[in-house]
Amino acid sequence: MARNMLMIGPGREENLTRILTSKGLAQFGDALLNFAYSLALTEKIGRPRGTRVPDKVLAEAAVKAGLRKHLLALSRLEK
């Protein structure tokens, strides 16, 4: 199932929405983003630092990346 969900091709808009609405993949993505953010912060300040990417920053990034329409589909599904 996951392999089909990640496929690139004619249905990629639908697949992207499915990926973005998958709770398991969303949690994994959040963990990766938080790790990358913590790693960059650790590099910048010179000592280990574990932190989270603020939700507001994630929302702004989604808009700038053109993912908002897919996330709106998610909010409609949750209602």
Protein backbone atom coordinates (compact mmCIF):
# COMPACT_ATOMS: atom_id res chain seq x y z
CA MET A 1 0.00 0.00 0.00
CA ALA A 2 2.70 2.52 0.96
CA ARG A 3 4.55 1.85 -2.29
CA ASN A 4 1.46 2.74 -4.34
CA MET A 5 0.83 5.81 -2.19
CA LEU A 6 4.29 7.19 -3.00
CA MET A 7 4.11 6.49 -6.74
CA ILE A 8 4.87 9.29 -9.17
CA GLY A 9 2.64 9.52 -12.21
CA PRO A 10 -0.69 10.81 -13.51
CA GLY A 11 -2.41 10.53 -10.11
CA ARG A 12 0.32 12.33 -8.16
CA GLU A 13 -1.98 15.15 -6.94
CA GLU A 14 -4.26 12.55 -5.40
CA ASN A 15 -1.27 10.65 -4.01
CA LEU A 16 0.17 13.80 -2.45
CA THR A 17 -3.13 14.47 -0.70
CA ARG A 18 -3.20 10.86 0.51
CA ILE A 19 0.38 11.16 1.81
CA LEU A 20 -0.36 14.43 3.59
CA THR A 21 -3.49 12.98 5.17
CA SER A 22 -1.79 9.81 6.43
CA LYS A 23 -1.42 10.15 10.19
CA GLY A 24 1.50 7.72 10.34
CA LEU A 25 3.42 9.50 7.61
CA ALA A 26 2.62 12.88 9.17
CA GLN A 27 4.06 11.78 12.50
CA PHE A 28 7.16 10.45 10.78
CA GLY A 29 7.55 13.69 8.82
CA ASP A 30 7.16 15.74 12.00
CA ALA A 31 9.91 13.70 13.66
CA LEU A 32 12.23 14.22 10.68
CA LEU A 33 11.58 17.97 10.58
CA ASN A 34 12.12 18.33 14.31
CA PHE A 35 15.35 16.33 14.08
CA ALA A 36 16.66 18.48 11.21
CA TYR A 37 15.67 21.66 13.06
CA SER A 38 17.36 20.46 16.27
CA LEU A 39 20.48 19.49 14.33
CA ALA A 40 20.70 22.91 12.66
CA LEU A 41 20.16 24.66 15.99
CA THR A 42 22.83 22.48 17.61
CA GLU A 43 25.26 23.46 14.84
CA LYS A 44 24.45 27.14 15.21
CA ILE A 45 24.76 27.40 19.01
CA GLY A 46 27.55 24.85 19.37
CA ARG A 47 25.90 22.58 21.92
CA PRO A 48 23.22 19.88 21.70
CA ARG A 49 19.70 21.23 21.56
CA GLY A 50 16.49 19.30 21.04
CA THR A 51 13.43 21.33 20.09
CA ARG A 52 10.32 21.37 17.90
CA VAL A 53 9.46 23.37 14.83
CA PRO A 54 6.62 25.71 15.89
CA ASP A 55 3.22 24.92 14.30
CA LYS A 56 3.00 28.46 12.91
CA VAL A 57 6.28 27.95 11.03
CA LEU A 58 5.03 24.63 9.61
CA ALA A 59 1.79 26.28 8.46
CA GLU A 60 3.66 29.13 6.76
CA ALA A 61 6.01 26.64 5.06
CA ALA A 62 3.04 24.61 3.78
CA VAL A 63 1.54 27.74 2.22
CA LYS A 64 4.85 28.75 0.62
CA ALA A 65 5.38 25.21 -0.71
CA GLY A 66 1.94 25.15 -2.34
CA LEU A 67 0.63 22.40 -0.08
CA ARG A 68 -2.25 24.36 1.38
CA LYS A 69 -4.89 22.92 -0.97
CA HIS A 70 -3.90 19.41 0.07
CA LEU A 71 -4.05 20.33 3.74
CA LEU A 72 -7.48 21.89 3.22
CA ALA A 73 -8.61 18.52 1.85
CA LEU A 74 -7.43 17.00 5.13
CA SER A 75 -9.41 19.47 7.23
CA ARG A 76 -12.56 18.71 5.19
CA LEU A 77 -12.03 14.97 5.75
CA GLU A 78 -11.74 15.43 9.52
CA LYS A 79 -15.13 17.23 9.80
